[in-house]
Amino acid sequence: MIKLLNILFIEDDIIEGIKFNRVLSQLGLKHQLIEVNNGEEALELLQSGGDLPDIILLDLNMPKMNGIEFLRILKNDESLKKIPTIIFTTSNNQKDILECYKIGIAGYLIKPLKYEDYQTIVKKTLDYWTVNELT
C-alpha cells in the first residue's frame, strides 16, 4: 500500500534543504518533512516523545555531531533503532560506507551533482519507502 511518509531530513547545508524541498514540490510528493540542521537537534526531536519518523535521511558531514556519531547513538537506543536510516551524502569514502552499514543503516546514497540525477534518486528512494512495510 502506498502511503505518505513522515521524513526526518538531517542536513546542515541550507542549499541542500532547499533543493530537497524543491524536488518534493516538483514531483508533487506530499510527504511530511521535518528538517533539522545536525545530529544534536535530531536527537532532541526524536527523544522529545512526539511521533517518530517513518524514515531518516541523514547527511554525514555536519558540525556539532556528524552523521556517524548520530547513527551510533540512534542505533543504540531501543526506542529509536528500528527507524530506517538512509545516508544521503556527498561522501563516497569506502570507510564511511562500510562503517555506516556495520552500524545498521537501510541504505547509502551519494548525492549526485546533476539536478536531474538528484531528483531521480530522491523519487526512487521515497517511492520504495512508500510501499515498504514499516513496523
N, C-alpha and C. Protein backbone atom coordinates (compact mmCIF):
# COMPACT_ATOMS: atom_id res chain seq x y z
N MET A 1 0.84 -1.19 0.00
CA MET A 1 0.00 0.00 0.00
C MET A 1 0.88 1.25 0.00
N ILE A 2 0.57 2.17 -0.85
CA ILE A 2 1.33 3.42 -0.93
C ILE A 2 0.82 4.37 0.15
N LYS A 3 1.76 4.99 0.87
CA LYS A 3 1.36 5.90 1.93
C LYS A 3 2.26 7.12 1.94
N LEU A 4 1.80 8.14 2.64
CA LEU A 4 2.63 9.32 2.82
C LEU A 4 3.59 9.05 3.96
N LEU A 5 4.80 9.52 3.80
CA LEU A 5 5.84 9.29 4.79
C LEU A 5 6.04 10.50 5.70
N ASN A 6 6.44 10.22 6.90
CA ASN A 6 6.91 11.24 7.83
C ASN A 6 8.44 11.13 7.77
N ILE A 7 9.10 12.10 7.15
CA ILE A 7 10.54 12.05 6.88
C ILE A 7 11.29 13.03 7.77
N LEU A 8 12.32 12.53 8.45
CA LEU A 8 13.24 13.41 9.17
C LEU A 8 14.46 13.60 8.29
N PHE A 9 14.70 14.83 7.88
CA PHE A 9 15.78 15.19 6.97
C PHE A 9 16.84 15.94 7.78
N ILE A 10 18.00 15.30 7.97
CA ILE A 10 19.06 15.89 8.80
C ILE A 10 20.17 16.37 7.87
N GLU A 11 20.26 17.69 7.74
CA GLU A 11 21.18 18.30 6.77
C GLU A 11 21.55 19.70 7.23
N ASP A 12 22.85 20.00 7.26
CA ASP A 12 23.29 21.31 7.71
C ASP A 12 23.39 22.34 6.59
N ASP A 13 23.40 21.91 5.35
CA ASP A 13 23.55 22.80 4.20
C ASP A 13 22.18 23.33 3.76
N ILE A 14 21.99 24.62 3.90
CA ILE A 14 20.70 25.25 3.56
C ILE A 14 20.33 25.00 2.10
N ILE A 15 21.31 25.08 1.21
CA ILE A 15 21.06 24.86 -0.22
C ILE A 15 20.54 23.44 -0.47
N GLU A 16 21.11 22.46 0.23
CA GLU A 16 20.64 21.06 0.09
C GLU A 16 19.19 20.93 0.56
N GLY A 17 18.86 21.63 1.63
CA GLY A 17 17.48 21.61 2.11
C GLY A 17 16.51 22.21 1.11
N ILE A 18 16.91 23.32 0.53
CA ILE A 18 16.08 23.97 -0.50
C ILE A 18 15.92 23.04 -1.69
N LYS A 19 17.02 22.42 -2.10
CA LYS A 19 16.98 21.51 -3.25
C LYS A 19 16.05 20.32 -2.97
N PHE A 20 16.15 19.74 -1.79
CA PHE A 20 15.31 18.60 -1.44
C PHE A 20 13.83 19.01 -1.46
N ASN A 21 13.51 20.15 -0.86
CA ASN A 21 12.12 20.64 -0.86
C ASN A 21 11.63 20.91 -2.27
N ARG A 22 12.50 21.43 -3.10
CA ARG A 22 12.15 21.71 -4.49
C ARG A 22 11.80 20.42 -5.23
N VAL A 23 12.59 19.38 -5.01
CA VAL A 23 12.31 18.09 -5.65
C VAL A 23 10.95 17.56 -5.20
N LEU A 24 10.68 17.59 -3.90
CA LEU A 24 9.38 17.13 -3.41
C LEU A 24 8.24 17.89 -4.07
N SER A 25 8.40 19.19 -4.16
CA SER A 25 7.37 20.03 -4.76
C SER A 25 7.20 19.73 -6.24
N GLN A 26 8.30 19.66 -6.98
CA GLN A 26 8.22 19.41 -8.43
C GLN A 26 7.64 18.04 -8.74
N LEU A 27 7.88 17.07 -7.88
CA LEU A 27 7.35 15.73 -8.10
C LEU A 27 5.94 15.56 -7.55
N GLY A 28 5.45 16.60 -6.88
CA GLY A 28 4.12 16.54 -6.31
C GLY A 28 4.00 15.58 -5.14
N LEU A 29 5.10 15.36 -4.44
CA LEU A 29 5.11 14.45 -3.30
C LEU A 29 4.67 15.20 -2.05
N LYS A 30 3.70 14.66 -1.36
CA LYS A 30 3.09 15.34 -0.22
C LYS A 30 3.55 14.78 1.12
N HIS A 31 4.72 14.17 1.16
CA HIS A 31 5.24 13.62 2.40
C HIS A 31 5.45 14.75 3.42
N GLN A 32 5.33 14.40 4.70
CA GLN A 32 5.61 15.37 5.75
C GLN A 32 7.12 15.40 5.96
N LEU A 33 7.69 16.56 5.90
CA LEU A 33 9.13 16.71 6.03
C LEU A 33 9.46 17.53 7.26
N ILE A 34 10.29 16.95 8.11
CA ILE A 34 10.80 17.67 9.28
C ILE A 34 12.29 17.84 9.06
N GLU A 35 12.76 19.06 9.10
CA GLU A 35 14.17 19.35 8.82
C GLU A 35 14.88 19.82 10.07
N VAL A 36 16.07 19.27 10.29
CA VAL A 36 16.94 19.73 11.36
C VAL A 36 18.35 19.89 10.79
N ASN A 37 19.17 20.68 11.48
CA ASN A 37 20.48 21.06 10.94
C ASN A 37 21.64 20.17 11.36
N ASN A 38 21.43 19.33 12.38
CA ASN A 38 22.54 18.49 12.83
C ASN A 38 22.02 17.35 13.70
N GLY A 39 22.93 16.45 14.06
CA GLY A 39 22.57 15.28 14.85
C GLY A 39 22.04 15.61 16.23
N GLU A 40 22.58 16.65 16.86
CA GLU A 40 22.10 17.02 18.20
C GLU A 40 20.63 17.43 18.15
N GLU A 41 20.28 18.28 17.18
CA GLU A 41 18.89 18.71 17.03
C GLU A 41 17.99 17.50 16.74
N ALA A 42 18.47 16.59 15.91
CA ALA A 42 17.69 15.41 15.56
C ALA A 42 17.42 14.54 16.79
N LEU A 43 18.44 14.32 17.61
CA LEU A 43 18.26 13.52 18.83
C LEU A 43 17.28 14.17 19.79
N GLU A 44 17.38 15.48 19.95
CA GLU A 44 16.44 16.19 20.82
C GLU A 44 15.02 15.99 20.33
N LEU A 45 14.82 16.11 19.04
CA LEU A 45 13.49 15.93 18.45
C LEU A 45 13.00 14.50 18.65
N LEU A 46 13.84 13.54 18.35
CA LEU A 46 13.46 12.13 18.45
C LEU A 46 13.17 11.71 19.89
N GLN A 47 13.87 12.29 20.83
CA GLN A 47 13.70 11.92 22.23
C GLN A 47 12.65 12.76 22.96
N SER A 48 12.00 13.66 22.23
CA SER A 48 11.01 14.56 22.85
C SER A 48 9.67 13.88 23.13
N GLY A 49 9.48 12.68 22.60
CA GLY A 49 8.24 11.97 22.86
C GLY A 49 7.16 12.15 21.82
N GLY A 50 7.45 12.88 20.76
CA GLY A 50 6.47 13.05 19.69
C GLY A 50 6.45 11.85 18.76
N ASP A 51 5.69 11.96 17.68
CA ASP A 51 5.64 10.90 16.69
C ASP A 51 7.01 10.70 16.06
N LEU A 52 7.38 9.44 15.89
CA LEU A 52 8.67 9.13 15.27
C LEU A 52 8.52 9.14 13.75
N PRO A 53 9.59 9.48 13.05
CA PRO A 53 9.52 9.47 11.59
C PRO A 53 9.46 8.05 11.04
N ASP A 54 8.96 7.94 9.81
CA ASP A 54 8.97 6.65 9.12
C ASP A 54 10.37 6.32 8.63
N ILE A 55 11.07 7.36 8.16
CA ILE A 55 12.45 7.19 7.70
C ILE A 55 13.25 8.43 8.08
N ILE A 56 14.58 8.24 8.13
CA ILE A 56 15.50 9.35 8.36
C ILE A 56 16.44 9.41 7.16
N LEU A 57 16.59 10.60 6.60
CA LEU A 57 17.61 10.86 5.58
C LEU A 57 18.69 11.67 6.27
N LEU A 58 19.90 11.13 6.29
CA LEU A 58 20.98 11.67 7.13
C LEU A 58 22.22 12.02 6.32
N ASP A 59 22.67 13.25 6.46
CA ASP A 59 23.95 13.67 5.89
C ASP A 59 25.05 13.22 6.86
N LEU A 60 26.23 12.96 6.34
CA LEU A 60 27.33 12.56 7.22
C LEU A 60 28.16 13.74 7.71
N ASN A 61 28.42 14.69 6.85
CA ASN A 61 29.34 15.79 7.16
C ASN A 61 28.57 16.97 7.74
N MET A 62 28.50 17.01 9.08
CA MET A 62 27.78 18.08 9.76
C MET A 62 28.57 18.56 10.97
N PRO A 63 28.34 19.81 11.38
CA PRO A 63 29.00 20.31 12.60
C PRO A 63 28.34 19.75 13.85
N LYS A 64 28.95 19.97 14.97
CA LYS A 64 28.48 19.55 16.30
C LYS A 64 28.53 18.04 16.47
N MET A 65 27.73 17.32 15.69
CA MET A 65 27.70 15.86 15.75
C MET A 65 27.57 15.36 14.32
N ASN A 66 28.58 14.64 13.84
CA ASN A 66 28.49 14.17 12.46
C ASN A 66 27.51 13.01 12.33
N GLY A 67 27.25 12.60 11.12
CA GLY A 67 26.26 11.57 10.87
C GLY A 67 26.58 10.23 11.50
N ILE A 68 27.84 9.85 11.51
CA ILE A 68 28.21 8.55 12.09
C ILE A 68 28.02 8.58 13.61
N GLU A 69 28.38 9.69 14.24
CA GLU A 69 28.16 9.82 15.69
C GLU A 69 26.67 9.73 16.01
N PHE A 70 25.87 10.43 15.24
CA PHE A 70 24.41 10.39 15.41
C PHE A 70 23.90 8.97 15.23
N LEU A 71 24.36 8.32 14.19
CA LEU A 71 23.92 6.96 13.87
C LEU A 71 24.23 5.99 15.00
N ARG A 72 25.40 6.10 15.59
CA ARG A 72 25.77 5.22 16.71
C ARG A 72 24.81 5.38 17.89
N ILE A 73 24.49 6.62 18.21
CA ILE A 73 23.57 6.89 19.31
C ILE A 73 22.17 6.38 18.97
N LEU A 74 21.71 6.65 17.78
CA LEU A 74 20.39 6.23 17.33
C LEU A 74 20.23 4.72 17.40
N LYS A 75 21.20 4.00 16.88
CA LYS A 75 21.09 2.54 16.79
C LYS A 75 21.34 1.83 18.13
N ASN A 76 21.79 2.58 19.15
CA ASN A 76 21.94 2.03 20.50
C ASN A 76 20.75 2.36 21.40
N ASP A 77 19.77 3.06 20.85
CA ASP A 77 18.58 3.44 21.61
C ASP A 77 17.44 2.49 21.22
N GLU A 78 16.96 1.73 22.18
CA GLU A 78 15.93 0.71 21.93
C GLU A 78 14.68 1.27 21.25
N SER A 79 14.29 2.48 21.62
CA SER A 79 13.06 3.04 21.06
C SER A 79 13.26 3.68 19.68
N LEU A 80 14.50 3.89 19.27
CA LEU A 80 14.78 4.58 18.01
C LEU A 80 15.48 3.73 16.96
N LYS A 81 16.09 2.63 17.37
CA LYS A 81 16.98 1.90 16.48
C LYS A 81 16.30 1.26 15.28
N LYS A 82 14.99 1.08 15.35
CA LYS A 82 14.28 0.45 14.23
C LYS A 82 13.88 1.43 13.12
N ILE A 83 14.11 2.71 13.33
CA ILE A 83 13.77 3.69 12.29
C ILE A 83 14.74 3.51 11.12
N PRO A 84 14.23 3.21 9.92
CA PRO A 84 15.13 3.06 8.78
C PRO A 84 15.87 4.37 8.51
N THR A 85 17.19 4.27 8.45
CA THR A 85 18.02 5.45 8.26
C THR A 85 18.82 5.28 6.98
N ILE A 86 18.67 6.26 6.10
CA ILE A 86 19.35 6.24 4.81
C ILE A 86 20.36 7.39 4.81
N ILE A 87 21.60 7.05 4.56
CA ILE A 87 22.63 8.08 4.45
C ILE A 87 22.46 8.75 3.09
N PHE A 88 22.45 10.08 3.10
CA PHE A 88 22.31 10.87 1.87
C PHE A 88 23.40 11.93 1.93
N THR A 89 24.52 11.65 1.27
CA THR A 89 25.73 12.43 1.48
C THR A 89 26.53 12.58 0.20
N THR A 90 27.54 13.43 0.25
CA THR A 90 28.48 13.57 -0.87
C THR A 90 29.68 12.65 -0.70
N SER A 91 29.82 12.03 0.47
CA SER A 91 30.99 11.21 0.76
C SER A 91 30.89 9.83 0.13
N ASN A 92 31.86 9.52 -0.72
CA ASN A 92 31.93 8.17 -1.28
C ASN A 92 33.11 7.41 -0.67
N ASN A 93 33.54 7.86 0.51
CA ASN A 93 34.63 7.24 1.24
C ASN A 93 34.22 5.81 1.64
N GLN A 94 34.96 4.83 1.17
CA GLN A 94 34.63 3.43 1.42
C GLN A 94 34.59 3.10 2.92
N LYS A 95 35.46 3.72 3.68
CA LYS A 95 35.47 3.51 5.13
C LYS A 95 34.15 3.97 5.75
N ASP A 96 33.65 5.15 5.32
CA ASP A 96 32.36 5.65 5.82
C ASP A 96 31.23 4.70 5.44
N ILE A 97 31.22 4.25 4.19
CA ILE A 97 30.16 3.36 3.71
C ILE A 97 30.12 2.08 4.55
N LEU A 98 31.27 1.45 4.72
CA LEU A 98 31.33 0.21 5.49
C LEU A 98 30.94 0.42 6.95
N GLU A 99 31.41 1.51 7.54
CA GLU A 99 31.08 1.80 8.94
C GLU A 99 29.58 2.02 9.12
N CYS A 100 28.97 2.74 8.21
CA CYS A 100 27.53 3.00 8.30
C CYS A 100 26.72 1.71 8.19
N TYR A 101 27.09 0.84 7.26
CA TYR A 101 26.38 -0.44 7.15
C TYR A 101 26.60 -1.31 8.38
N LYS A 102 27.80 -1.24 8.93
CA LYS A 102 28.11 -2.01 10.14
C LYS A 102 27.22 -1.55 11.31
N ILE A 103 26.98 -0.25 11.39
CA ILE A 103 26.15 0.31 12.47
C ILE A 103 24.68 -0.05 12.26
N GLY A 104 24.26 -0.15 11.01
CA GLY A 104 22.88 -0.58 10.77
C GLY A 104 22.00 0.33 9.94
N ILE A 105 22.55 0.88 8.86
CA ILE A 105 21.73 1.73 8.00
C ILE A 105 20.88 0.90 7.04
N ALA A 106 19.87 1.56 6.47
CA ALA A 106 19.00 0.92 5.48
C ALA A 106 19.47 1.19 4.06
N GLY A 107 20.37 2.13 3.87
CA GLY A 107 20.88 2.44 2.55
C GLY A 107 21.88 3.58 2.59
N TYR A 108 22.69 3.66 1.54
CA TYR A 108 23.72 4.69 1.44
C TYR A 108 23.65 5.29 0.05
N LEU A 109 23.26 6.55 -0.04
CA LEU A 109 23.09 7.23 -1.32
C LEU A 109 24.06 8.41 -1.41
N ILE A 110 24.72 8.49 -2.55
CA ILE A 110 25.63 9.61 -2.79
C ILE A 110 24.87 10.66 -3.60
N LYS A 111 24.87 11.89 -3.09
CA LYS A 111 24.16 12.98 -3.76
C LYS A 111 24.85 13.27 -5.10
N PRO A 112 24.11 13.13 -6.18
CA PRO A 112 24.71 13.46 -7.48
C PRO A 112 24.78 14.97 -7.68
N LEU A 113 25.70 15.39 -8.52
CA LEU A 113 25.84 16.81 -8.81
C LEU A 113 24.74 17.31 -9.74
N LYS A 114 24.36 16.50 -10.70
CA LYS A 114 23.35 16.90 -11.68
C LYS A 114 21.96 16.86 -11.04
N TYR A 115 21.21 17.94 -11.20
CA TYR A 115 19.91 18.06 -10.55
C TYR A 115 18.95 16.94 -10.96
N GLU A 116 18.93 16.60 -12.23
CA GLU A 116 18.03 15.55 -12.72
C GLU A 116 18.34 14.22 -12.05
N ASP A 117 19.62 13.93 -11.84
CA ASP A 117 20.02 12.68 -11.17
C ASP A 117 19.63 12.72 -9.69
N TYR A 118 19.78 13.88 -9.08
CA TYR A 118 19.38 14.07 -7.69
C TYR A 118 17.88 13.80 -7.55
N GLN A 119 17.12 14.38 -8.45
CA GLN A 119 15.67 14.22 -8.45
C GLN A 119 15.28 12.74 -8.60
N THR A 120 15.96 12.03 -9.48
CA THR A 120 15.68 10.61 -9.71
C THR A 120 15.96 9.79 -8.46
N ILE A 121 17.09 10.05 -7.81
CA ILE A 121 17.44 9.31 -6.60
C ILE A 121 16.42 9.55 -5.49
N VAL A 122 16.03 10.79 -5.30
CA VAL A 122 15.04 11.11 -4.26
C VAL A 122 13.73 10.40 -4.57
N LYS A 123 13.27 10.48 -5.81
CA LYS A 123 12.00 9.85 -6.18
C LYS A 123 12.04 8.34 -5.97
N LYS A 124 13.08 7.69 -6.45
CA LYS A 124 13.16 6.24 -6.30
C LYS A 124 13.24 5.82 -4.83
N THR A 125 13.98 6.57 -4.05
CA THR A 125 14.11 6.25 -2.63
C THR A 125 12.78 6.38 -1.92
N LEU A 126 12.10 7.49 -2.13
CA LEU A 126 10.83 7.71 -1.45
C LEU A 126 9.75 6.77 -1.98
N ASP A 127 9.78 6.48 -3.28
CA ASP A 127 8.82 5.52 -3.83
C ASP A 127 8.98 4.16 -3.14
N TYR A 128 10.21 3.74 -2.95
CA TYR A 128 10.46 2.46 -2.29
C TYR A 128 9.88 2.44 -0.87
N TRP A 129 10.15 3.48 -0.11
CA TRP A 129 9.70 3.50 1.29
C TRP A 129 8.21 3.72 1.44
N THR A 130 7.53 4.19 0.39
CA THR A 130 6.06 4.32 0.49
C THR A 130 5.37 2.98 0.33
N VAL A 131 6.03 2.00 -0.26
CA VAL A 131 5.41 0.68 -0.42
C VAL A 131 6.04 -0.36 0.49
N ASN A 132 7.15 -0.04 1.11
CA ASN A 132 7.80 -0.97 2.03
C ASN A 132 6.98 -1.07 3.31
N GLU A 133 6.89 -2.26 3.83
CA GLU A 133 6.13 -2.47 5.07
C GLU A 133 6.99 -2.06 6.26
N LEU A 134 6.66 -0.93 6.84
CA LEU A 134 7.36 -0.45 8.01
C LEU A 134 6.66 -0.96 9.25
N THR A 135 7.45 -1.23 10.28
CA THR A 135 6.84 -1.72 11.52
C THR A 135 6.55 -0.58 12.47
